[in-house]
PDB file of N, CA and C in Angstrom:
ATOM      1  N   UNK A   1      29.454 -75.783 -80.931  1.00  0.00           N
ATOM      2  CA  UNK A   1      28.129 -75.754 -80.364  1.00  0.00           C
ATOM      3  C   UNK A   1      27.137 -76.150 -81.453  1.00  0.00           C
ATOM      4  N   UNK A   2      26.454 -77.237 -81.275  1.00  0.00           N
ATOM      5  CA  UNK A   2      25.452 -77.694 -82.238  1.00  0.00           C
ATOM      6  C   UNK A   2      24.101 -77.171 -81.780  1.00  0.00           C
ATOM      7  N   UNK A   3      23.500 -76.319 -82.583  1.00  0.00           N
ATOM      8  CA  UNK A   3      22.261 -75.662 -82.204  1.00  0.00           C
ATOM      9  C   UNK A   3      21.019 -76.484 -82.525  1.00  0.00           C
ATOM     10  N   UNK A   4      21.144 -77.455 -83.412  1.00  0.00           N
ATOM     11  CA  UNK A   4      20.009 -78.292 -83.789  1.00  0.00           C
ATOM     12  C   UNK A   4      20.453 -79.752 -83.758  1.00  0.00           C
ATOM     13  N   UNK A   5      20.714 -80.276 -82.547  1.00  0.00           N
ATOM     14  CA  UNK A   5      21.270 -81.630 -82.463  1.00  0.00           C
ATOM     15  C   UNK A   5      20.358 -82.715 -83.037  1.00  0.00           C
ATOM     16  N   UNK A   6      19.051 -82.498 -83.034  1.00  0.00           N
ATOM     17  CA  UNK A   6      18.130 -83.496 -83.571  1.00  0.00           C
ATOM     18  C   UNK A   6      17.846 -83.331 -85.047  1.00  0.00           C
ATOM     19  N   UNK A   7      18.529 -82.371 -85.698  1.00  0.00           N
ATOM     20  CA  UNK A   7      18.303 -82.093 -87.123  1.00  0.00           C
ATOM     21  C   UNK A   7      16.824 -81.900 -87.445  1.00  0.00           C
ATOM     22  N   UNK A   8      16.151 -81.107 -86.613  1.00  0.00           N
ATOM     23  CA  UNK A   8      14.725 -80.853 -86.791  1.00  0.00           C
ATOM     24  C   UNK A   8      14.461 -79.671 -87.711  1.00  0.00           C
ATOM     25  N   UNK A   9      15.500 -78.882 -87.981  1.00  0.00           N
ATOM     26  CA  UNK A   9      15.306 -77.667 -88.758  1.00  0.00           C
ATOM     27  C   UNK A   9      14.842 -76.508 -87.901  1.00  0.00           C
ATOM     28  N   UNK A  10      14.871 -76.711 -86.577  1.00  0.00           N
ATOM     29  CA  UNK A  10      14.427 -75.686 -85.636  1.00  0.00           C
ATOM     30  C   UNK A  10      15.483 -75.498 -84.552  1.00  0.00           C
ATOM     31  N   UNK A  11      15.691 -74.238 -84.172  1.00  0.00           N
ATOM     32  CA  UNK A  11      16.578 -73.921 -83.056  1.00  0.00           C
ATOM     33  C   UNK A  11      15.692 -73.309 -81.981  1.00  0.00           C
ATOM     34  N   UNK A  12      15.685 -73.931 -80.808  1.00  0.00           N
ATOM     35  CA  UNK A  12      14.806 -73.456 -79.741  1.00  0.00           C
ATOM     36  C   UNK A  12      15.186 -72.046 -79.312  1.00  0.00           C
ATOM     37  N   UNK A  13      14.227 -71.359 -78.738  1.00  0.00           N
ATOM     38  CA  UNK A  13      14.467 -69.994 -78.264  1.00  0.00           C
ATOM     39  C   UNK A  13      15.623 -69.960 -77.266  1.00  0.00           C
ATOM     40  N   UNK A  14      15.667 -70.917 -76.355  1.00  0.00           N
ATOM     41  CA  UNK A  14      16.733 -70.946 -75.346  1.00  0.00           C
ATOM     42  C   UNK A  14      18.104 -71.147 -75.963  1.00  0.00           C
ATOM     43  N   UNK A  15      18.218 -72.101 -76.884  1.00  0.00           N
ATOM     44  CA  UNK A  15      19.502 -72.363 -77.539  1.00  0.00           C
ATOM     45  C   UNK A  15      19.925 -71.180 -78.398  1.00  0.00           C
ATOM     46  N   UNK A  16      18.981 -70.600 -79.118  1.00  0.00           N
ATOM     47  CA  UNK A  16      19.295 -69.442 -79.958  1.00  0.00           C
ATOM     48  C   UNK A  16      19.747 -68.271 -79.095  1.00  0.00           C
ATOM     49  N   UNK A  17      19.038 -68.025 -77.998  1.00  0.00           N
ATOM     50  CA  UNK A  17      19.389 -66.906 -77.112  1.00  0.00           C
ATOM     51  C   UNK A  17      20.770 -67.106 -76.519  1.00  0.00           C
ATOM     52  N   UNK A  18      21.060 -68.321 -76.078  1.00  0.00           N
ATOM     53  CA  UNK A  18      22.374 -68.617 -75.495  1.00  0.00           C
ATOM     54  C   UNK A  18      23.481 -68.353 -76.515  1.00  0.00           C
ATOM     55  N   UNK A  19      23.262 -68.763 -77.754  1.00  0.00           N
ATOM     56  CA  UNK A  19      24.258 -68.529 -78.798  1.00  0.00           C
ATOM     57  C   UNK A  19      24.370 -67.051 -79.143  1.00  0.00           C
ATOM     58  N   UNK A  20      23.245 -66.378 -79.350  1.00  0.00           N
ATOM     59  CA  UNK A  20      23.271 -64.979 -79.766  1.00  0.00           C
ATOM     60  C   UNK A  20      23.856 -64.069 -78.695  1.00  0.00           C
ATOM     61  N   UNK A  21      23.746 -64.445 -77.412  1.00  0.00           N
ATOM     62  CA  UNK A  21      24.354 -63.654 -76.333  1.00  0.00           C
ATOM     63  C   UNK A  21      25.875 -63.572 -76.494  1.00  0.00           C
ATOM     64  N   UNK A  22      26.457 -64.562 -77.163  1.00  0.00           N
ATOM     65  CA  UNK A  22      27.909 -64.586 -77.370  1.00  0.00           C
ATOM     66  C   UNK A  22      28.356 -63.518 -78.368  1.00  0.00           C
ATOM     67  N   UNK A  23      27.375 -62.792 -78.934  1.00  0.00           N
ATOM     68  CA  UNK A  23      27.695 -61.701 -79.857  1.00  0.00           C
ATOM     69  C   UNK A  23      28.170 -60.460 -79.108  1.00  0.00           C
ATOM     70  N   UNK A  24      27.908 -60.411 -77.791  1.00  0.00           N
ATOM     71  CA  UNK A  24      28.290 -59.250 -77.001  1.00  0.00           C
ATOM     72  C   UNK A  24      27.291 -58.105 -77.078  1.00  0.00           C
ATOM     73  N   UNK A  25      26.181 -58.300 -77.776  1.00  0.00           N
ATOM     74  CA  UNK A  25      25.161 -57.266 -77.881  1.00  0.00           C
ATOM     75  C   UNK A  25      24.286 -57.272 -76.626  1.00  0.00           C
ATOM     76  N   UNK A  26      23.658 -56.140 -76.347  1.00  0.00           N
ATOM     77  CA  UNK A  26      22.816 -56.022 -75.158  1.00  0.00           C
ATOM     78  C   UNK A  26      21.565 -56.885 -75.299  1.00  0.00           C
ATOM     79  N   UNK A  27      20.969 -57.201 -74.148  1.00  0.00           N
ATOM     80  CA  UNK A  27      19.747 -58.002 -74.161  1.00  0.00           C
ATOM     81  C   UNK A  27      18.630 -57.287 -74.910  1.00  0.00           C
ATOM     82  N   UNK A  28      18.553 -55.965 -74.781  1.00  0.00           N
ATOM     83  CA  UNK A  28      17.484 -55.240 -75.482  1.00  0.00           C
ATOM     84  C   UNK A  28      17.693 -55.313 -76.993  1.00  0.00           C
ATOM     85  N   UNK A  29      18.943 -55.208 -77.442  1.00  0.00           N
ATOM     86  CA  UNK A  29      19.234 -55.340 -78.873  1.00  0.00           C
ATOM     87  C   UNK A  29      18.912 -56.745 -79.356  1.00  0.00           C
ATOM     88  N   UNK A  30      19.301 -57.744 -78.569  1.00  0.00           N
ATOM     89  CA  UNK A  30      19.012 -59.127 -78.946  1.00  0.00           C
ATOM     90  C   UNK A  30      17.508 -59.390 -78.962  1.00  0.00           C
ATOM     91  N   UNK A  31      16.764 -58.744 -78.084  1.00  0.00           N
ATOM     92  CA  UNK A  31      15.309 -58.878 -78.090  1.00  0.00           C
ATOM     93  C   UNK A  31      14.708 -58.346 -79.375  1.00  0.00           C
ATOM     94  N   UNK A  32      15.225 -57.220 -79.855  1.00  0.00           N
ATOM     95  CA  UNK A  32      14.745 -56.662 -81.123  1.00  0.00           C
ATOM     96  C   UNK A  32      15.086 -57.593 -82.276  1.00  0.00           C
ATOM     97  N   UNK A  33      16.284 -58.150 -82.235  1.00  0.00           N
ATOM     98  CA  UNK A  33      16.704 -59.097 -83.277  1.00  0.00           C
ATOM     99  C   UNK A  33      15.779 -60.310 -83.274  1.00  0.00           C
ATOM    100  N   UNK A  34      15.486 -60.836 -82.076  1.00  0.00           N
ATOM    101  CA  UNK A  34      14.605 -62.003 -81.982  1.00  0.00           C
ATOM    102  C   UNK A  34      13.220 -61.679 -82.556  1.00  0.00           C
ATOM    103  N   UNK A  35      12.689 -60.510 -82.207  1.00  0.00           N
ATOM    104  CA  UNK A  35      11.362 -60.133 -82.684  1.00  0.00           C
ATOM    105  C   UNK A  35      11.292 -60.114 -84.212  1.00  0.00           C
ATOM    106  N   UNK A  36      12.364 -59.679 -84.864  1.00  0.00           N
ATOM    107  CA  UNK A  36      12.387 -59.657 -86.333  1.00  0.00           C
ATOM    108  C   UNK A  36      12.638 -61.047 -86.914  1.00  0.00           C
ATOM    109  N   UNK A  37      13.520 -61.809 -86.264  1.00  0.00           N
ATOM    110  CA  UNK A  37      13.875 -63.134 -86.787  1.00  0.00           C
ATOM    111  C   UNK A  37      12.739 -64.141 -86.590  1.00  0.00           C
ATOM    112  N   UNK A  38      11.964 -63.980 -85.504  1.00  0.00           N
ATOM    113  CA  UNK A  38      10.826 -64.853 -85.230  1.00  0.00           C
ATOM    114  C   UNK A  38       9.544 -64.033 -85.341  1.00  0.00           C
ATOM    115  N   UNK A  39       9.377 -63.405 -86.492  1.00  0.00           N
ATOM    116  CA  UNK A  39       8.255 -62.485 -86.691  1.00  0.00           C
ATOM    117  C   UNK A  39       6.899 -63.169 -86.595  1.00  0.00           C
ATOM    118  N   UNK A  40       6.854 -64.470 -86.820  1.00  0.00           N
ATOM    119  CA  UNK A  40       5.593 -65.206 -86.725  1.00  0.00           C
ATOM    120  C   UNK A  40       5.343 -65.722 -85.309  1.00  0.00           C
ATOM    121  N   UNK A  41       6.236 -65.398 -84.373  1.00  0.00           N
ATOM    122  CA  UNK A  41       6.112 -65.774 -82.962  1.00  0.00           C
ATOM    123  C   UNK A  41       5.968 -67.288 -82.773  1.00  0.00           C
ATOM    124  N   UNK A  42       6.814 -68.039 -83.487  1.00  0.00           N
ATOM    125  CA  UNK A  42       6.780 -69.496 -83.392  1.00  0.00           C
ATOM    126  C   UNK A  42       7.479 -69.999 -82.123  1.00  0.00           C
ATOM    127  N   UNK A  43       8.371 -69.174 -81.557  1.00  0.00           N
ATOM    128  CA  UNK A  43       9.101 -69.597 -80.373  1.00  0.00           C
ATOM    129  C   UNK A  43      10.374 -70.366 -80.687  1.00  0.00           C
ATOM    130  N   UNK A  44      10.721 -70.427 -81.947  1.00  0.00           N
ATOM    131  CA  UNK A  44      11.967 -71.064 -82.389  1.00  0.00           C
ATOM    132  C   UNK A  44      12.384 -70.396 -83.684  1.00  0.00           C
ATOM    133  N   UNK A  45      13.619 -70.680 -84.095  1.00  0.00           N
ATOM    134  CA  UNK A  45      14.097 -70.162 -85.376  1.00  0.00           C
ATOM    135  C   UNK A  45      14.292 -71.322 -86.339  1.00  0.00           C
ATOM    136  N   UNK A  46      13.766 -71.162 -87.543  1.00  0.00           N
ATOM    137  CA  UNK A  46      14.076 -72.100 -88.608  1.00  0.00           C
ATOM    138  C   UNK A  46      15.344 -71.574 -89.296  1.00  0.00           C
ATOM    139  N   UNK A  47      15.755 -72.237 -90.358  1.00  0.00           N
ATOM    140  CA  UNK A  47      16.998 -71.834 -91.021  1.00  0.00           C
ATOM    141  C   UNK A  47      16.935 -70.381 -91.485  1.00  0.00           C
ATOM    142  N   UNK A  48      15.821 -69.994 -92.088  1.00  0.00           N
ATOM    143  CA  UNK A  48      15.673 -68.621 -92.566  1.00  0.00           C
ATOM    144  C   UNK A  48      15.757 -67.630 -91.399  1.00  0.00           C
ATOM    145  N   UNK A  49      15.062 -67.931 -90.315  1.00  0.00           N
ATOM    146  CA  UNK A  49      15.083 -67.052 -89.150  1.00  0.00           C
ATOM    147  C   UNK A  49      16.456 -66.943 -88.525  1.00  0.00           C
ATOM    148  N   UNK A  50      17.187 -68.068 -88.477  1.00  0.00           N
ATOM    149  CA  UNK A  50      18.527 -68.051 -87.899  1.00  0.00           C
ATOM    150  C   UNK A  50      19.470 -67.205 -88.752  1.00  0.00           C
ATOM    151  N   UNK A  51      19.415 -67.371 -90.062  1.00  0.00           N
ATOM    152  CA  UNK A  51      20.285 -66.566 -90.925  1.00  0.00           C
ATOM    153  C   UNK A  51      19.906 -65.092 -90.867  1.00  0.00           C
ATOM    154  N   UNK A  52      18.627 -64.813 -90.735  1.00  0.00           N
ATOM    155  CA  UNK A  52      18.187 -63.434 -90.556  1.00  0.00           C
ATOM    156  C   UNK A  52      18.756 -62.871 -89.254  1.00  0.00           C
ATOM    157  N   UNK A  53      18.696 -63.660 -88.188  1.00  0.00           N
ATOM    158  CA  UNK A  53      19.261 -63.221 -86.902  1.00  0.00           C
ATOM    159  C   UNK A  53      20.757 -62.937 -87.036  1.00  0.00           C
ATOM    160  N   UNK A  54      21.478 -63.797 -87.755  1.00  0.00           N
ATOM    161  CA  UNK A  54      22.920 -63.574 -87.946  1.00  0.00           C
ATOM    162  C   UNK A  54      23.182 -62.275 -88.706  1.00  0.00           C
ATOM    163  N   UNK A  55      22.388 -62.003 -89.735  1.00  0.00           N
ATOM    164  CA  UNK A  55      22.546 -60.748 -90.498  1.00  0.00           C
ATOM    165  C   UNK A  55      22.251 -59.546 -89.606  1.00  0.00           C
ATOM    166  N   UNK A  56      21.214 -59.660 -88.765  1.00  0.00           N
ATOM    167  CA  UNK A  56      20.873 -58.562 -87.871  1.00  0.00           C
ATOM    168  C   UNK A  56      21.958 -58.351 -86.817  1.00  0.00           C
ATOM    169  N   UNK A  57      22.554 -59.434 -86.321  1.00  0.00           N
ATOM    170  CA  UNK A  57      23.677 -59.315 -85.383  1.00  0.00           C
ATOM    171  C   UNK A  57      24.833 -58.596 -86.066  1.00  0.00           C
ATOM    172  N   UNK A  58      25.151 -58.996 -87.279  1.00  0.00           N
ATOM    173  CA  UNK A  58      26.242 -58.350 -88.019  1.00  0.00           C
ATOM    174  C   UNK A  58      25.950 -56.867 -88.210  1.00  0.00           C
ATOM    175  N   UNK A  59      24.720 -56.544 -88.538  1.00  0.00           N
ATOM    176  CA  UNK A  59      24.332 -55.150 -88.734  1.00  0.00           C
ATOM    177  C   UNK A  59      24.489 -54.363 -87.436  1.00  0.00           C
ATOM    178  N   UNK A  60      24.001 -54.930 -86.333  1.00  0.00           N
ATOM    179  CA  UNK A  60      24.109 -54.261 -85.034  1.00  0.00           C
ATOM    180  C   UNK A  60      25.572 -54.110 -84.609  1.00  0.00           C
ATOM    181  N   UNK A  61      26.382 -55.144 -84.845  1.00  0.00           N
ATOM    182  CA  UNK A  61      27.802 -55.055 -84.499  1.00  0.00           C
ATOM    183  C   UNK A  61      28.502 -53.986 -85.332  1.00  0.00           C
ATOM    184  N   UNK A  62      27.957 -53.702 -86.500  1.00  0.00           N
ATOM    185  CA  UNK A  62      28.507 -52.654 -87.362  1.00  0.00           C
ATOM    186  C   UNK A  62      27.996 -51.264 -87.009  1.00  0.00           C
ATOM    187  N   UNK A  63      27.177 -51.171 -85.953  1.00  0.00           N
ATOM    188  CA  UNK A  63      26.698 -49.876 -85.494  1.00  0.00           C
ATOM    189  C   UNK A  63      25.403 -49.412 -86.126  1.00  0.00           C
ATOM    190  N   UNK A  64      24.735 -50.291 -86.846  1.00  0.00           N
ATOM    191  CA  UNK A  64      23.475 -49.933 -87.497  1.00  0.00           C
ATOM    192  C   UNK A  64      22.290 -50.171 -86.573  1.00  0.00           C
ATOM    193  N   UNK A  65      21.186 -49.502 -86.870  1.00  0.00           N
ATOM    194  CA  UNK A  65      19.937 -49.757 -86.166  1.00  0.00           C
ATOM    195  C   UNK A  65      19.447 -51.155 -86.515  1.00  0.00           C
ATOM    196  N   UNK A  66      18.667 -51.730 -85.597  1.00  0.00           N
ATOM    197  CA  UNK A  66      18.080 -53.045 -85.849  1.00  0.00           C
ATOM    198  C   UNK A  66      16.875 -52.839 -86.755  1.00  0.00           C
ATOM    199  N   UNK A  67      17.067 -53.145 -88.020  1.00  0.00           N
ATOM    200  CA  UNK A  67      16.012 -52.914 -89.000  1.00  0.00           C
ATOM    201  C   UNK A  67      16.224 -53.824 -90.205  1.00  0.00           C
ATOM    202  N   UNK A  68      15.131 -54.324 -90.737  1.00  0.00           N
ATOM    203  CA  UNK A  68      15.225 -55.135 -91.955  1.00  0.00           C
ATOM    204  C   UNK A  68      15.740 -54.305 -93.118  1.00  0.00           C
ATOM    205  N   UNK A  69      15.568 -52.983 -93.035  1.00  0.00           N
ATOM    206  CA  UNK A  69      16.025 -52.100 -94.110  1.00  0.00           C
ATOM    207  C   UNK A  69      17.543 -52.083 -94.238  1.00  0.00           C
ATOM    208  N   UNK A  70      18.264 -52.429 -93.170  1.00  0.00           N
ATOM    209  CA  UNK A  70      19.723 -52.402 -93.197  1.00  0.00           C
ATOM    210  C   UNK A  70      20.334 -53.694 -93.733  1.00  0.00           C
ATOM    211  N   UNK A  71      19.515 -54.676 -94.040  1.00  0.00           N
ATOM    212  CA  UNK A  71      20.053 -55.986 -94.417  1.00  0.00           C
ATOM    213  C   UNK A  71      20.597 -56.044 -95.835  1.00  0.00           C
ATOM    214  N   UNK A  72      20.259 -55.065 -96.664  1.00  0.00           N
ATOM    215  CA  UNK A  72      20.762 -55.071 -98.035  1.00  0.00           C
ATOM    216  C   UNK A  72      22.142 -54.449 -98.142  1.00  0.00           C
ATOM    217  N   UNK A  73      22.650 -53.912 -97.043  1.00  0.00           N
ATOM    218  CA  UNK A  73      23.987 -53.329 -97.038  1.00  0.00           C
ATOM    219  C   UNK A  73      25.041 -54.432 -97.067  1.00  0.00           C
ATOM    220  N   UNK A  74      26.226 -54.062 -97.471  1.00  0.00           N
ATOM    221  CA  UNK A  74      27.356 -54.971 -97.329  1.00  0.00           C
ATOM    222  C   UNK A  74      27.776 -54.919 -95.872  1.00  0.00           C
ATOM    223  N   UNK A  75      27.773 -56.071 -95.218  1.00  0.00           N
ATOM    224  CA  UNK A  75      28.078 -56.152 -93.794  1.00  0.00           C
ATOM    225  C   UNK A  75      29.271 -57.056 -93.555  1.00  0.00           C
ATOM    226  N   UNK A  76      30.047 -56.717 -92.532  1.00  0.00           N
ATOM    227  CA  UNK A  76      31.078 -57.649 -92.068  1.00  0.00           C
ATOM    228  C   UNK A  76      30.361 -58.822 -91.408  1.00  0.00           C
ATOM    229  N   UNK A  77      30.980 -59.972 -91.423  1.00  0.00           N
ATOM    230  CA  UNK A  77      30.373 -61.141 -90.794  1.00  0.00           C
ATOM    231  C   UNK A  77      30.282 -60.939 -89.280  1.00  0.00           C
ATOM    232  N   UNK A  78      29.278 -61.533 -88.639  1.00  0.00           N
ATOM    233  CA  UNK A  78      29.159 -61.394 -87.194  1.00  0.00           C
ATOM    234  C   UNK A  78      30.255 -62.178 -86.478  1.00  0.00           C
ATOM    235  N   UNK A  79      30.563 -61.744 -85.277  1.00  0.00           N
ATOM    236  CA  UNK A  79      31.561 -62.418 -84.449  1.00  0.00           C
ATOM    237  C   UNK A  79      30.899 -62.839 -83.148  1.00  0.00           C
ATOM    238  N   UNK A  80      31.211 -64.040 -82.695  1.00  0.00           N
ATOM    239  CA  UNK A  80      30.684 -64.577 -81.440  1.00  0.00           C
ATOM    240  C   UNK A  80      31.864 -65.042 -80.601  1.00  0.00           C
ATOM    241  N   UNK A  81      31.859 -64.691 -79.318  1.00  0.00           N
ATOM    242  CA  UNK A  81      32.988 -64.969 -78.435  1.00  0.00           C
ATOM    243  C   UNK A  81      32.517 -65.783 -77.239  1.00  0.00           C
ATOM    244  N   UNK A  82      33.326 -66.736 -76.822  1.00  0.00           N
ATOM    245  CA  UNK A  82      33.049 -67.530 -75.627  1.00  0.00           C
ATOM    246  C   UNK A  82      34.320 -67.620 -74.800  1.00  0.00           C
ATOM    247  N   UNK A  83      34.240 -67.238 -73.547  1.00  0.00           N
ATOM    248  CA  UNK A  83      35.389 -67.287 -72.639  1.00  0.00           C
ATOM    249  C   UNK A  83      36.603 -66.548 -73.185  1.00  0.00           C
ATOM    250  N   UNK A  84      36.343 -65.411 -73.840  1.00  0.00           N
ATOM    251  CA  UNK A  84      37.436 -64.590 -74.341  1.00  0.00           C
ATOM    252  C   UNK A  84      38.035 -65.067 -75.647  1.00  0.00           C
ATOM    253  N   UNK A  85      37.563 -66.151 -76.189  1.00  0.00           N
ATOM    254  CA  UNK A  85      38.093 -66.676 -77.452  1.00  0.00           C
ATOM    255  C   UNK A  85      37.013 -66.599 -78.516  1.00  0.00           C
ATOM    256  N   UNK A  86      37.423 -66.358 -79.756  1.00  0.00           N
ATOM    257  CA  UNK A  86      36.440 -66.356 -80.831  1.00  0.00           C
ATOM    258  C   UNK A  86      35.789 -67.733 -80.891  1.00  0.00           C
ATOM    259  N   UNK A  87      34.488 -67.747 -80.743  1.00  0.00           N
ATOM    260  CA  UNK A  87      33.719 -68.978 -80.870  1.00  0.00           C
ATOM    261  C   UNK A  87      33.500 -69.255 -82.352  1.00  0.00           C
ATOM    262  N   UNK A  88      33.078 -68.204 -83.015  1.00  0.00           N
ATOM    263  CA  UNK A  88      32.898 -68.303 -84.456  1.00  0.00           C
ATOM    264  C   UNK A  88      33.098 -66.920 -85.034  1.00  0.00           C
ATOM    265  N   UNK A  89      33.888 -66.844 -86.024  1.00  0.00           N
ATOM    266  CA  UNK A  89      34.050 -65.607 -86.770  1.00  0.00           C
ATOM    267  C   UNK A  89      33.951 -66.009 -88.227  1.00  0.00           C
ATOM    268  N   UNK A  90      32.967 -65.442 -88.889  1.00  0.00           N
ATOM    269  CA  UNK A  90      32.709 -65.850 -90.264  1.00  0.00           C
ATOM    270  C   UNK A  90      33.485 -65.021 -91.261  1.00  0.00           C
ATOM    271  N   UNK A  91      34.476 -64.257 -90.781  1.00  0.00           N
ATOM    272  CA  UNK A  91      35.289 -63.438 -91.684  1.00  0.00           C
ATOM    273  C   UNK A  91      36.296 -64.300 -92.402  1.00  0.00           C
TER     274      UNK A  91
END
């Protein structure tokens, strides 16, 4: 899945949401992640925002609260699944 096919440095909200849903996290959790990753309310994620979202997904998958304070912990890599198969596992 190519999230930035035009190499613009931006991932649209729709594409990011579609990808992040594959994490298996609830919509409310993903909403909190989006709010932190797109803190400037740009409506898209740049590289920094996307990597922040991935760290927050990993933190949430590890059972932590959605908080920037948890990002300094050692975290397992996030896992994303599509149709029952690992889409991406960064482990």
